[in-house]
Amino acid sequence: MKSLYTIALLAASNLFMTLAWYGHLKFKEMRWLENSGLLVAILISWGIAFFEYCLQVPANRIGFEDNGGPFSLVQLKVIQEVITLIVFAIFAMVIFKSEIKWNHFAAFTCIVLAVYFVFKK
């Protein structure tokens, strides 16, 4: 179960992270934020990132093998990167209407292969 909790918390934290990192790029489309400056974007992003950390820190604590979890530190990082790419790809396609091209899939595949290699004994 710790594996599932870890992955679910990492996925949820990545939703907040992606929103914090890239959501401010859509502020100009929101009437109440269209004229906001960089400082406002930073403050809102920090506020969103707070929730990311509220999920990410427990995910890593639950999942880390030295805390009784199933994953090594390197495995946790590689899992997190793959989750980040999946969440980002969906975010880019849905929110920004970005097209994911063949070379993006090739790059994602290389990172997914990293998961294979990091778990290989």
PDB file of N, CA and C in Angstrom:
ATOM      1  N   MET A   1       0.812  -1.204   0.000  1.00  0.00           N
ATOM      2  CA  MET A   1       0.000   0.000   0.000  1.00  0.00           C
ATOM      3  C   MET A   1       0.855   1.268   0.000  1.00  0.00           C
ATOM      4  N   LYS A   2       2.044   1.210   0.619  1.00  0.00           N
ATOM      5  CA  LYS A   2       2.886   2.396   0.661  1.00  0.00           C
ATOM      6  C   LYS A   2       3.280   2.849  -0.743  1.00  0.00           C
ATOM      7  N   SER A   3       3.441   1.902  -1.655  1.00  0.00           N
ATOM      8  CA  SER A   3       3.759   2.264  -3.040  1.00  0.00           C
ATOM      9  C   SER A   3       2.628   3.084  -3.647  1.00  0.00           C
ATOM     10  N   LEU A   4       1.402   2.615  -3.452  1.00  0.00           N
ATOM     11  CA  LEU A   4       0.250   3.316  -4.009  1.00  0.00           C
ATOM     12  C   LEU A   4       0.062   4.691  -3.375  1.00  0.00           C
ATOM     13  N   TYR A   5       0.206   4.780  -2.053  1.00  0.00           N
ATOM     14  CA  TYR A   5       0.085   6.070  -1.376  1.00  0.00           C
ATOM     15  C   TYR A   5       1.137   7.045  -1.894  1.00  0.00           C
ATOM     16  N   THR A   6       2.359   6.544  -2.027  1.00  0.00           N
ATOM     17  CA  THR A   6       3.453   7.392  -2.504  1.00  0.00           C
ATOM     18  C   THR A   6       3.161   7.920  -3.896  1.00  0.00           C
ATOM     19  N   ILE A   7       2.773   7.045  -4.796  1.00  0.00           N
ATOM     20  CA  ILE A   7       2.511   7.446  -6.182  1.00  0.00           C
ATOM     21  C   ILE A   7       1.302   8.377  -6.261  1.00  0.00           C
ATOM     22  N   ALA A   8       0.262   8.095  -5.505  1.00  0.00           N
ATOM     23  CA  ALA A   8      -0.927   8.958  -5.515  1.00  0.00           C
ATOM     24  C   ALA A   8      -0.599  10.351  -4.973  1.00  0.00           C
ATOM     25  N   LEU A   9       0.153  10.420  -3.890  1.00  0.00           N
ATOM     26  CA  LEU A   9       0.531  11.715  -3.329  1.00  0.00           C
ATOM     27  C   LEU A   9       1.458  12.477  -4.271  1.00  0.00           C
ATOM     28  N   LEU A  10       2.384  11.768  -4.918  1.00  0.00           N
ATOM     29  CA  LEU A  10       3.266  12.428  -5.884  1.00  0.00           C
ATOM     30  C   LEU A  10       2.473  12.964  -7.075  1.00  0.00           C
ATOM     31  N   ALA A  11       1.493  12.198  -7.533  1.00  0.00           N
ATOM     32  CA  ALA A  11       0.666  12.661  -8.652  1.00  0.00           C
ATOM     33  C   ALA A  11      -0.128  13.913  -8.261  1.00  0.00           C
ATOM     34  N   ALA A  12      -0.724  13.890  -7.075  1.00  0.00           N
ATOM     35  CA  ALA A  12      -1.483  15.055  -6.613  1.00  0.00           C
ATOM     36  C   ALA A  12      -0.570  16.267  -6.421  1.00  0.00           C
ATOM     37  N   SER A  13       0.614  16.036  -5.858  1.00  0.00           N
ATOM     38  CA  SER A  13       1.538  17.155  -5.651  1.00  0.00           C
ATOM     39  C   SER A  13       1.980  17.741  -6.986  1.00  0.00           C
ATOM     40  N   ASN A  14       2.116  16.895  -7.987  1.00  0.00           N
ATOM     41  CA  ASN A  14       2.528  17.374  -9.300  1.00  0.00           C
ATOM     42  C   ASN A  14       1.455  18.203  -9.985  1.00  0.00           C
ATOM     43  N   LEU A  15       0.196  17.947  -9.674  1.00  0.00           N
ATOM     44  CA  LEU A  15      -0.865  18.804 -10.201  1.00  0.00           C
ATOM     45  C   LEU A  15      -0.670  20.238  -9.698  1.00  0.00           C
ATOM     46  N   PHE A  16      -0.415  20.367  -8.391  1.00  0.00           N
ATOM     47  CA  PHE A  16      -0.183  21.690  -7.814  1.00  0.00           C
ATOM     48  C   PHE A  16       1.114  22.303  -8.344  1.00  0.00           C
ATOM     49  N   MET A  17       2.165  21.487  -8.464  1.00  0.00           N
ATOM     50  CA  MET A  17       3.444  21.989  -8.949  1.00  0.00           C
ATOM     51  C   MET A  17       3.318  22.538 -10.366  1.00  0.00           C
ATOM     52  N   THR A  18       2.663  21.785 -11.235  1.00  0.00           N
ATOM     53  CA  THR A  18       2.505  22.216 -12.617  1.00  0.00           C
ATOM     54  C   THR A  18       1.679  23.492 -12.683  1.00  0.00           C
ATOM     55  N   LEU A  19       0.638  23.561 -11.882  1.00  0.00           N
ATOM     56  CA  LEU A  19      -0.177  24.779 -11.830  1.00  0.00           C
ATOM     57  C   LEU A  19       0.642  25.966 -11.332  1.00  0.00           C
ATOM     58  N   ALA A  20       1.464  25.747 -10.310  1.00  0.00           N
ATOM     59  CA  ALA A  20       2.298  26.831  -9.772  1.00  0.00           C
ATOM     60  C   ALA A  20       3.349  27.275 -10.786  1.00  0.00           C
ATOM     61  N   TRP A  21       3.969  26.326 -11.462  1.00  0.00           N
ATOM     62  CA  TRP A  21       5.062  26.658 -12.381  1.00  0.00           C
ATOM     63  C   TRP A  21       4.571  27.268 -13.695  1.00  0.00           C
ATOM     64  N   TYR A  22       3.433  26.805 -14.184  1.00  0.00           N
ATOM     65  CA  TYR A  22       2.997  27.213 -15.519  1.00  0.00           C
ATOM     66  C   TYR A  22       1.639  27.900 -15.557  1.00  0.00           C
ATOM     67  N   GLY A  23       0.852  27.787 -14.516  1.00  0.00           N
ATOM     68  CA  GLY A  23      -0.481  28.382 -14.502  1.00  0.00           C
ATOM     69  C   GLY A  23      -0.458  29.890 -14.655  1.00  0.00           C
ATOM     70  N   HIS A  24       0.558  30.540 -14.107  1.00  0.00           N
ATOM     71  CA  HIS A  24       0.632  32.000 -14.191  1.00  0.00           C
ATOM     72  C   HIS A  24       0.757  32.493 -15.633  1.00  0.00           C
ATOM     73  N   LEU A  25       1.157  31.614 -16.545  1.00  0.00           N
ATOM     74  CA  LEU A  25       1.255  32.007 -17.951  1.00  0.00           C
ATOM     75  C   LEU A  25      -0.121  32.260 -18.562  1.00  0.00           C
ATOM     76  N   LYS A  26      -1.161  31.835 -17.879  1.00  0.00           N
ATOM     77  CA  LYS A  26      -2.536  32.057 -18.334  1.00  0.00           C
ATOM     78  C   LYS A  26      -3.201  33.251 -17.645  1.00  0.00           C
ATOM     79  N   PHE A  27      -2.489  33.937 -16.758  1.00  0.00           N
ATOM     80  CA  PHE A  27      -3.083  35.048 -16.020  1.00  0.00           C
ATOM     81  C   PHE A  27      -3.654  36.112 -16.944  1.00  0.00           C
ATOM     82  N   LYS A  28      -3.017  36.369 -18.082  1.00  0.00           N
ATOM     83  CA  LYS A  28      -3.490  37.430 -18.976  1.00  0.00           C
ATOM     84  C   LYS A  28      -4.885  37.131 -19.516  1.00  0.00           C
ATOM     85  N   GLU A  29      -5.312  35.872 -19.436  1.00  0.00           N
ATOM     86  CA  GLU A  29      -6.646  35.491 -19.898  1.00  0.00           C
ATOM     87  C   GLU A  29      -7.699  35.634 -18.797  1.00  0.00           C
ATOM     88  N   MET A  30      -7.253  35.864 -17.568  1.00  0.00           N
ATOM     89  CA  MET A  30      -8.168  36.021 -16.445  1.00  0.00           C
ATOM     90  C   MET A  30      -8.333  37.517 -16.175  1.00  0.00           C
ATOM     91  N   ARG A  31      -9.530  37.974 -16.299  1.00  0.00           N
ATOM     92  CA  ARG A  31      -9.815  39.413 -16.206  1.00  0.00           C
ATOM     93  C   ARG A  31      -9.201  40.053 -14.954  1.00  0.00           C
ATOM     94  N   TRP A  32      -9.352  39.427 -13.808  1.00  0.00           N
ATOM     95  CA  TRP A  32      -8.888  40.013 -12.552  1.00  0.00           C
ATOM     96  C   TRP A  32      -7.376  39.940 -12.380  1.00  0.00           C
ATOM     97  N   LEU A  33      -6.680  39.181 -13.253  1.00  0.00           N
ATOM     98  CA  LEU A  33      -5.220  39.089 -13.167  1.00  0.00           C
ATOM     99  C   LEU A  33      -4.512  39.568 -14.430  1.00  0.00           C
ATOM    100  N   GLU A  34      -5.259  40.070 -15.401  1.00  0.00           N
ATOM    101  CA  GLU A  34      -4.671  40.385 -16.700  1.00  0.00           C
ATOM    102  C   GLU A  34      -3.570  41.445 -16.636  1.00  0.00           C
ATOM    103  N   ASN A  35      -3.618  42.329 -15.675  1.00  0.00           N
ATOM    104  CA  ASN A  35      -2.601  43.380 -15.552  1.00  0.00           C
ATOM    105  C   ASN A  35      -1.667  43.158 -14.371  1.00  0.00           C
ATOM    106  N   SER A  36      -1.688  41.967 -13.813  1.00  0.00           N
ATOM    107  CA  SER A  36      -0.832  41.697 -12.660  1.00  0.00           C
ATOM    108  C   SER A  36       0.624  41.587 -13.107  1.00  0.00           C
ATOM    109  N   GLY A  37       1.498  41.932 -12.212  1.00  0.00           N
ATOM    110  CA  GLY A  37       2.924  41.895 -12.504  1.00  0.00           C
ATOM    111  C   GLY A  37       3.580  40.605 -12.044  1.00  0.00           C
ATOM    112  N   LEU A  38       4.877  40.599 -12.177  1.00  0.00           N
ATOM    113  CA  LEU A  38       5.666  39.420 -11.812  1.00  0.00           C
ATOM    114  C   LEU A  38       5.539  39.083 -10.333  1.00  0.00           C
ATOM    115  N   LEU A  39       5.540  40.094  -9.479  1.00  0.00           N
ATOM    116  CA  LEU A  39       5.439  39.846  -8.035  1.00  0.00           C
ATOM    117  C   LEU A  39       4.143  39.124  -7.691  1.00  0.00           C
ATOM    118  N   VAL A  40       3.044  39.516  -8.297  1.00  0.00           N
ATOM    119  CA  VAL A  40       1.760  38.845  -8.062  1.00  0.00           C
ATOM    120  C   VAL A  40       1.838  37.390  -8.527  1.00  0.00           C
ATOM    121  N   ALA A  41       2.421  37.156  -9.694  1.00  0.00           N
ATOM    122  CA  ALA A  41       2.567  35.793 -10.207  1.00  0.00           C
ATOM    123  C   ALA A  41       3.411  34.952  -9.254  1.00  0.00           C
ATOM    124  N   ILE A  42       4.479  35.529  -8.739  1.00  0.00           N
ATOM    125  CA  ILE A  42       5.346  34.805  -7.798  1.00  0.00           C
ATOM    126  C   ILE A  42       4.587  34.470  -6.522  1.00  0.00           C
ATOM    127  N   LEU A  43       3.884  35.434  -5.972  1.00  0.00           N
ATOM    128  CA  LEU A  43       3.161  35.202  -4.717  1.00  0.00           C
ATOM    129  C   LEU A  43       2.053  34.158  -4.877  1.00  0.00           C
ATOM    130  N   ILE A  44       1.309  34.247  -5.965  1.00  0.00           N
ATOM    131  CA  ILE A  44       0.260  33.248  -6.203  1.00  0.00           C
ATOM    132  C   ILE A  44       0.892  31.866  -6.415  1.00  0.00           C
ATOM    133  N   SER A  45       1.972  31.812  -7.170  1.00  0.00           N
ATOM    134  CA  SER A  45       2.640  30.532  -7.412  1.00  0.00           C
ATOM    135  C   SER A  45       3.180  29.935  -6.121  1.00  0.00           C
ATOM    136  N   TRP A  46       3.744  30.760  -5.251  1.00  0.00           N
ATOM    137  CA  TRP A  46       4.213  30.267  -3.954  1.00  0.00           C
ATOM    138  C   TRP A  46       3.050  29.719  -3.128  1.00  0.00           C
ATOM    139  N   GLY A  47       1.927  30.411  -3.190  1.00  0.00           N
ATOM    140  CA  GLY A  47       0.748  29.929  -2.466  1.00  0.00           C
ATOM    141  C   GLY A  47       0.277  28.576  -2.956  1.00  0.00           C
ATOM    142  N   ILE A  48       0.304  28.395  -4.267  1.00  0.00           N
ATOM    143  CA  ILE A  48      -0.073  27.099  -4.841  1.00  0.00           C
ATOM    144  C   ILE A  48       0.967  26.043  -4.491  1.00  0.00           C
ATOM    145  N   ALA A  49       2.243  26.428  -4.556  1.00  0.00           N
ATOM    146  CA  ALA A  49       3.329  25.479  -4.283  1.00  0.00           C
ATOM    147  C   ALA A  49       3.291  24.976  -2.839  1.00  0.00           C
ATOM    148  N   PHE A  50       2.731  25.767  -1.939  1.00  0.00           N
ATOM    149  CA  PHE A  50       2.590  25.315  -0.553  1.00  0.00           C
ATOM    150  C   PHE A  50       1.842  23.983  -0.502  1.00  0.00           C
ATOM    151  N   PHE A  51       0.766  23.884  -1.282  1.00  0.00           N
ATOM    152  CA  PHE A  51      -0.021  22.650  -1.283  1.00  0.00           C
ATOM    153  C   PHE A  51       0.730  21.503  -1.949  1.00  0.00           C
ATOM    154  N   GLU A  52       1.560  21.844  -2.930  1.00  0.00           N
ATOM    155  CA  GLU A  52       2.404  20.821  -3.543  1.00  0.00           C
ATOM    156  C   GLU A  52       3.308  20.196  -2.485  1.00  0.00           C
ATOM    157  N   TYR A  53       3.946  21.026  -1.688  1.00  0.00           N
ATOM    158  CA  TYR A  53       4.848  20.521  -0.657  1.00  0.00           C
ATOM    159  C   TYR A  53       4.107  19.763   0.435  1.00  0.00           C
ATOM    160  N   CYS A  54       2.869  20.167   0.717  1.00  0.00           N
ATOM    161  CA  CYS A  54       2.068  19.449   1.719  1.00  0.00           C
ATOM    162  C   CYS A  54       1.783  18.017   1.284  1.00  0.00           C
ATOM    163  N   LEU A  55       1.859  17.740  -0.003  1.00  0.00           N
ATOM    164  CA  LEU A  55       1.645  16.392  -0.519  1.00  0.00           C
ATOM    165  C   LEU A  55       2.958  15.697  -0.861  1.00  0.00           C
ATOM    166  N   GLN A  56       3.910  16.438  -1.392  1.00  0.00           N
ATOM    167  CA  GLN A  56       5.171  15.856  -1.851  1.00  0.00           C
ATOM    168  C   GLN A  56       6.027  15.370  -0.690  1.00  0.00           C
ATOM    169  N   VAL A  57       6.116  16.136   0.367  1.00  0.00           N
ATOM    170  CA  VAL A  57       6.946  15.735   1.506  1.00  0.00           C
ATOM    171  C   VAL A  57       6.430  14.438   2.135  1.00  0.00           C
ATOM    172  N   PRO A  58       5.126  14.311   2.418  1.00  0.00           N
ATOM    173  CA  PRO A  58       4.649  13.025   2.939  1.00  0.00           C
ATOM    174  C   PRO A  58       4.851  11.870   1.950  1.00  0.00           C
ATOM    175  N   ALA A  59       4.699  12.141   0.661  1.00  0.00           N
ATOM    176  CA  ALA A  59       4.906  11.090  -0.340  1.00  0.00           C
ATOM    177  C   ALA A  59       6.312  10.531  -0.235  1.00  0.00           C
ATOM    178  N   ASN A  60       7.292  11.411  -0.155  1.00  0.00           N
ATOM    179  CA  ASN A  60       8.673  10.948  -0.065  1.00  0.00           C
ATOM    180  C   ASN A  60       8.972  10.281   1.269  1.00  0.00           C
ATOM    181  N   ARG A  61       8.378  10.762   2.332  1.00  0.00           N
ATOM    182  CA  ARG A  61       8.593  10.124   3.636  1.00  0.00           C
ATOM    183  C   ARG A  61       7.974   8.722   3.675  1.00  0.00           C
ATOM    184  N   ILE A  62       6.769   8.598   3.135  1.00  0.00           N
ATOM    185  CA  ILE A  62       6.098   7.293   3.116  1.00  0.00           C
ATOM    186  C   ILE A  62       6.839   6.323   2.207  1.00  0.00           C
ATOM    187  N   GLY A  63       7.300   6.806   1.064  1.00  0.00           N
ATOM    188  CA  GLY A  63       7.899   5.928   0.078  1.00  0.00           C
ATOM    189  C   GLY A  63       9.356   5.579   0.280  1.00  0.00           C
ATOM    190  N   PHE A  64      10.091   6.360   1.081  1.00  0.00           N
ATOM    191  CA  PHE A  64      11.528   6.171   1.232  1.00  0.00           C
ATOM    192  C   PHE A  64      11.852   4.934   2.054  1.00  0.00           C
ATOM    193  N   GLU A  65      12.762   4.118   1.537  1.00  0.00           N
ATOM    194  CA  GLU A  65      13.090   2.842   2.170  1.00  0.00           C
ATOM    195  C   GLU A  65      13.639   2.997   3.590  1.00  0.00           C
ATOM    196  N   ASP A  66      14.348   4.058   3.889  1.00  0.00           N
ATOM    197  CA  ASP A  66      14.866   4.253   5.252  1.00  0.00           C
ATOM    198  C   ASP A  66      13.759   4.574   6.253  1.00  0.00           C
ATOM    199  N   ASN A  67      12.573   4.904   5.747  1.00  0.00           N
ATOM    200  CA  ASN A  67      11.409   5.140   6.600  1.00  0.00           C
ATOM    201  C   ASN A  67      10.429   3.968   6.533  1.00  0.00           C
ATOM    202  N   GLY A  68      10.876   2.848   5.998  1.00  0.00           N
ATOM    203  CA  GLY A  68      10.015   1.675   5.886  1.00  0.00           C
ATOM    204  C   GLY A  68       9.253   1.589   4.579  1.00  0.00           C
ATOM    205  N   GLY A  69       9.542   2.480   3.666  1.00  0.00           N
ATOM    206  CA  GLY A  69       8.875   2.466   2.364  1.00  0.00           C
ATOM    207  C   GLY A  69       9.570   1.551   1.372  1.00  0.00           C
ATOM    208  N   PRO A  70       8.985   1.410   0.199  1.00  0.00           N
ATOM    209  CA  PRO A  70       9.511   0.460  -0.782  1.00  0.00           C
ATOM    210  C   PRO A  70      10.559   1.020  -1.746  1.00  0.00           C
ATOM    211  N   PHE A  71      10.836   2.334  -1.726  1.00  0.00           N
ATOM    212  CA  PHE A  71      11.661   2.930  -2.770  1.00  0.00           C
ATOM    213  C   PHE A  71      12.962   3.525  -2.236  1.00  0.00           C
ATOM    214  N   SER A  72      14.009   3.386  -3.040  1.00  0.00           N
ATOM    215  CA  SER A  72      15.259   4.076  -2.737  1.00  0.00           C
ATOM    216  C   SER A  72      15.092   5.546  -3.104  1.00  0.00           C
ATOM    217  N   LEU A  73      16.044   6.353  -2.691  1.00  0.00           N
ATOM    218  CA  LEU A  73      15.999   7.782  -3.002  1.00  0.00           C
ATOM    219  C   LEU A  73      16.000   8.015  -4.514  1.00  0.00           C
ATOM    220  N   VAL A  74      16.848   7.293  -5.235  1.00  0.00           N
ATOM    221  CA  VAL A  74      16.920   7.440  -6.686  1.00  0.00           C
ATOM    222  C   VAL A  74      15.613   6.992  -7.339  1.00  0.00           C
ATOM    223  N   GLN A  75      15.045   5.904  -6.874  1.00  0.00           N
ATOM    224  CA  GLN A  75      13.771   5.436  -7.418  1.00  0.00           C
ATOM    225  C   GLN A  75      12.664   6.469  -7.205  1.00  0.00           C
ATOM    226  N   LEU A  76      12.622   7.064  -6.018  1.00  0.00           N
ATOM    227  CA  LEU A  76      11.626   8.104  -5.750  1.00  0.00           C
ATOM    228  C   LEU A  76      11.766   9.264  -6.736  1.00  0.00           C
ATOM    229  N   LYS A  77      12.984   9.678  -6.990  1.00  0.00           N
ATOM    230  CA  LYS A  77      13.206  10.801  -7.892  1.00  0.00           C
ATOM    231  C   LYS A  77      12.790  10.473  -9.319  1.00  0.00           C
ATOM    232  N   VAL A  78      13.125   9.280  -9.789  1.00  0.00           N
ATOM    233  CA  VAL A  78      12.775   8.902 -11.157  1.00  0.00           C
ATOM    234  C   VAL A  78      11.257   8.748 -11.292  1.00  0.00           C
ATOM    235  N   ILE A  79      10.610   8.155 -10.303  1.00  0.00           N
ATOM    236  CA  ILE A  79       9.141   8.052 -10.317  1.00  0.00           C
ATOM    237  C   ILE A  79       8.531   9.443 -10.383  1.00  0.00           C
ATOM    238  N   GLN A  80       9.040  10.353  -9.572  1.00  0.00           N
ATOM    239  CA  GLN A  80       8.525  11.715  -9.546  1.00  0.00           C
ATOM    240  C   GLN A  80       8.686  12.393 -10.900  1.00  0.00           C
ATOM    241  N   GLU A  81       9.805  12.176 -11.558  1.00  0.00           N
ATOM    242  CA  GLU A  81      10.039  12.803 -12.867  1.00  0.00           C
ATOM    243  C   GLU A  81       9.062  12.282 -13.913  1.00  0.00           C
ATOM    244  N   VAL A  82       8.798  10.991 -13.896  1.00  0.00           N
ATOM    245  CA  VAL A  82       7.843  10.420 -14.857  1.00  0.00           C
ATOM    246  C   VAL A  82       6.443  10.955 -14.592  1.00  0.00           C
ATOM    247  N   ILE A  83       6.057  11.015 -13.333  1.00  0.00           N
ATOM    248  CA  ILE A  83       4.750  11.578 -12.985  1.00  0.00           C
ATOM    249  C   ILE A  83       4.680  13.037 -13.431  1.00  0.00           C
ATOM    250  N   THR A  84       5.749  13.780 -13.216  1.00  0.00           N
ATOM    251  CA  THR A  84       5.791  15.179 -13.638  1.00  0.00           C
ATOM    252  C   THR A  84       5.564  15.302 -15.139  1.00  0.00           C
ATOM    253  N   LEU A  85       6.213  14.454 -15.920  1.00  0.00           N
ATOM    254  CA  LEU A  85       6.042  14.512 -17.375  1.00  0.00           C
ATOM    255  C   LEU A  85       4.625  14.178 -17.799  1.00  0.00           C
ATOM    256  N   ILE A  86       4.040  13.184 -17.175  1.00  0.00           N
ATOM    257  CA  ILE A  86       2.669  12.800 -17.523  1.00  0.00           C
ATOM    258  C   ILE A  86       1.704  13.936 -17.191  1.00  0.00           C
ATOM    259  N   VAL A  87       1.828  14.479 -15.985  1.00  0.00           N
ATOM    260  CA  VAL A  87       0.952  15.571 -15.569  1.00  0.00           C
ATOM    261  C   VAL A  87       1.166  16.787 -16.471  1.00  0.00           C
ATOM    262  N   PHE A  88       2.431  17.103 -16.758  1.00  0.00           N
ATOM    263  CA  PHE A  88       2.720  18.250 -17.619  1.00  0.00           C
ATOM    264  C   PHE A  88       2.150  18.065 -19.019  1.00  0.00           C
ATOM    265  N   ALA A  89       2.313  16.872 -19.589  1.00  0.00           N
ATOM    266  CA  ALA A  89       1.805  16.628 -20.943  1.00  0.00           C
ATOM    267  C   ALA A  89       0.298  16.824 -21.001  1.00  0.00           C
ATOM    268  N   ILE A  90      -0.405  16.300 -20.016  1.00  0.00           N
ATOM    269  CA  ILE A  90      -1.860  16.471 -19.967  1.00  0.00           C
ATOM    270  C   ILE A  90      -2.208  17.943 -19.787  1.00  0.00           C
ATOM    271  N   PHE A  91      -1.520  18.623 -18.884  1.00  0.00           N
ATOM    272  CA  PHE A  91      -1.740  20.052 -18.634  1.00  0.00           C
ATOM    273  C   PHE A  91      -1.507  20.863 -19.906  1.00  0.00           C
ATOM    274  N   ALA A  92      -0.414  20.584 -20.592  1.00  0.00           N
ATOM    275  CA  ALA A  92      -0.083  21.333 -21.816  1.00  0.00           C
ATOM    276  C   ALA A  92      -1.133  21.119 -22.897  1.00  0.00           C
ATOM    277  N   MET A  93      -1.622  19.894 -23.020  1.00  0.00           N
ATOM    278  CA  MET A  93      -2.612  19.613 -24.054  1.00  0.00           C
ATOM    279  C   MET A  93      -3.983  20.191 -23.703  1.00  0.00           C
ATOM    280  N   VAL A  94      -4.380  20.084 -22.434  1.00  0.00           N
ATOM    281  CA  VAL A  94      -5.723  20.511 -22.032  1.00  0.00           C
ATOM    282  C   VAL A  94      -5.793  22.024 -21.807  1.00  0.00           C
ATOM    283  N   ILE A  95      -4.881  22.566 -21.038  1.00  0.00           N
ATOM    284  CA  ILE A  95      -4.943  23.977 -20.663  1.00  0.00           C
ATOM    285  C   ILE A  95      -4.363  24.885 -21.746  1.00  0.00           C
ATOM    286  N   PHE A  96      -3.242  24.495 -22.323  1.00  0.00           N
ATOM    287  CA  PHE A  96      -2.575  25.342 -23.320  1.00  0.00           C
ATOM    288  C   PHE A  96      -2.847  24.916 -24.756  1.00  0.00           C
ATOM    289  N   LYS A  97      -3.599  23.843 -24.910  1.00  0.00           N
ATOM    290  CA  LYS A  97      -3.919  23.330 -26.257  1.00  0.00           C
ATOM    291  C   LYS A  97      -2.647  23.060 -27.074  1.00  0.00           C
ATOM    292  N   SER A  98      -1.580  22.655 -26.396  1.00  0.00           N
ATOM    293  CA  SER A  98      -0.312  22.345 -27.058  1.00  0.00           C
ATOM    294  C   SER A  98      -0.388  20.977 -27.710  1.00  0.00           C
ATOM    295  N   GLU A  99       0.288  20.867 -28.823  1.00  0.00           N
ATOM    296  CA  GLU A  99       0.358  19.586 -29.522  1.00  0.00           C
ATOM    297  C   GLU A  99       1.615  18.858 -29.059  1.00  0.00           C
ATOM    298  N   ILE A 100       1.438  17.618 -28.655  1.00  0.00           N
ATOM    299  CA  ILE A 100       2.573  16.776 -28.284  1.00  0.00           C
ATOM    300  C   ILE A 100       3.003  16.041 -29.548  1.00  0.00           C
ATOM    301  N   LYS A 101       4.229  16.278 -29.985  1.00  0.00           N
ATOM    302  CA  LYS A 101       4.727  15.737 -31.243  1.00  0.00           C
ATOM    303  C   LYS A 101       5.546  14.476 -31.014  1.00  0.00           C
ATOM    304  N   TRP A 102       5.950  13.847 -32.097  1.00  0.00           N
ATOM    305  CA  TRP A 102       6.669  12.573 -32.015  1.00  0.00           C
ATOM    306  C   TRP A 102       7.952  12.707 -31.202  1.00  0.00           C
ATOM    307  N   ASN A 103       8.665  13.826 -31.349  1.00  0.00           N
ATOM    308  CA  ASN A 103       9.925  13.982 -30.620  1.00  0.00           C
ATOM    309  C   ASN A 103       9.689  14.146 -29.116  1.00  0.00           C
ATOM    310  N   HIS A 104       8.526  14.703 -28.735  1.00  0.00           N
ATOM    311  CA  HIS A 104       8.174  14.783 -27.317  1.00  0.00           C
ATOM    312  C   HIS A 104       7.942  13.376 -26.767  1.00  0.00           C
ATOM    313  N   PHE A 105       7.215  12.558 -27.532  1.00  0.00           N
ATOM    314  CA  PHE A 105       6.986  11.176 -27.112  1.00  0.00           C
ATOM    315  C   PHE A 105       8.302  10.413 -27.019  1.00  0.00           C
ATOM    316  N   ALA A 106       9.212  10.665 -27.949  1.00  0.00           N
ATOM    317  CA  ALA A 106      10.523  10.006 -27.909  1.00  0.00           C
ATOM    318  C   ALA A 106      11.276  10.392 -26.637  1.00  0.00           C
ATOM    319  N   ALA A 107      11.237  11.672 -26.291  1.00  0.00           N
ATOM    320  CA  ALA A 107      11.908  12.131 -25.076  1.00  0.00           C
ATOM    321  C   ALA A 107      11.256  11.519 -23.835  1.00  0.00           C
ATOM    322  N   PHE A 108       9.923  11.498 -23.804  1.00  0.00           N
ATOM    323  CA  PHE A 108       9.215  10.895 -22.679  1.00  0.00           C
ATOM    324  C   PHE A 108       9.561   9.416 -22.556  1.00  0.00           C
ATOM    325  N   THR A 109       9.657   8.745 -23.692  1.00  0.00           N
ATOM    326  CA  THR A 109      10.004   7.322 -23.689  1.00  0.00           C
ATOM    327  C   THR A 109      11.382   7.100 -23.073  1.00  0.00           C
ATOM    328  N   CYS A 110      12.315   7.965 -23.389  1.00  0.00           N
ATOM    329  CA  CYS A 110      13.659   7.846 -22.802  1.00  0.00           C
ATOM    330  C   CYS A 110      13.605   7.965 -21.281  1.00  0.00           C
ATOM    331  N   ILE A 111      12.773   8.865 -20.792  1.00  0.00           N
ATOM    332  CA  ILE A 111      12.669   9.036 -19.347  1.00  0.00           C
ATOM    333  C   ILE A 111      11.957   7.844 -18.713  1.00  0.00           C
ATOM    334  N   VAL A 112      10.949   7.311 -19.390  1.00  0.00           N
ATOM    335  CA  VAL A 112      10.279   6.112 -18.876  1.00  0.00           C
ATOM    336  C   VAL A 112      11.264   4.941 -18.850  1.00  0.00           C
ATOM    337  N   LEU A 113      12.144   4.874 -19.825  1.00  0.00           N
ATOM    338  CA  LEU A 113      13.187   3.843 -19.809  1.00  0.00           C
ATOM    339  C   LEU A 113      14.086   3.992 -18.588  1.00  0.00           C
ATOM    340  N   ALA A 114      14.259   5.212 -18.116  1.00  0.00           N
ATOM    341  CA  ALA A 114      15.034   5.439 -16.902  1.00  0.00           C
ATOM    342  C   ALA A 114      14.407   4.705 -15.723  1.00  0.00           C
ATOM    343  N   VAL A 115      13.073   4.664 -15.688  1.00  0.00           N
ATOM    344  CA  VAL A 115      12.391   3.922 -14.621  1.00  0.00           C
ATOM    345  C   VAL A 115      12.769   2.450 -14.695  1.00  0.00           C
ATOM    346  N   TYR A 116      12.753   1.908 -15.887  1.00  0.00           N
ATOM    347  CA  TYR A 116      13.132   0.502 -16.064  1.00  0.00           C
ATOM    348  C   TYR A 116      14.536   0.270 -15.515  1.00  0.00           C
ATOM    349  N   PHE A 117      15.470   1.117 -15.901  1.00  0.00           N
ATOM    350  CA  PHE A 117      16.859   0.906 -15.498  1.00  0.00           C
ATOM    351  C   PHE A 117      17.088   1.143 -14.014  1.00  0.00           C
ATOM    352  N   VAL A 118      16.371   2.091 -13.431  1.00  0.00           N
ATOM    353  CA  VAL A 118      16.576   2.370 -12.005  1.00  0.00           C
ATOM    354  C   VAL A 118      15.996   1.257 -11.120  1.00  0.00           C
ATOM    355  N   PHE A 119      15.006   0.537 -11.636  1.00  0.00           N
ATOM    356  CA  PHE A 119      14.434  -0.580 -10.876  1.00  0.00           C
ATOM    357  C   PHE A 119      15.077  -1.909 -11.197  1.00  0.00           C
ATOM    358  N   LYS A 120      15.919  -1.956 -12.228  1.00  0.00           N
ATOM    359  CA  LYS A 120      16.577  -3.201 -12.619  1.00  0.00           C
ATOM    360  C   LYS A 120      17.622  -3.552 -11.579  1.00  0.00           C
ATOM    361  N   LYS A 121      17.603  -4.787 -11.162  1.00  0.00           N
ATOM    362  CA  LYS A 121      18.549  -5.270 -10.143  1.00  0.00           C
ATOM    363  C   LYS A 121      19.900  -5.547 -10.750  1.00  0.00           C
TER     364      LYS A 121
END
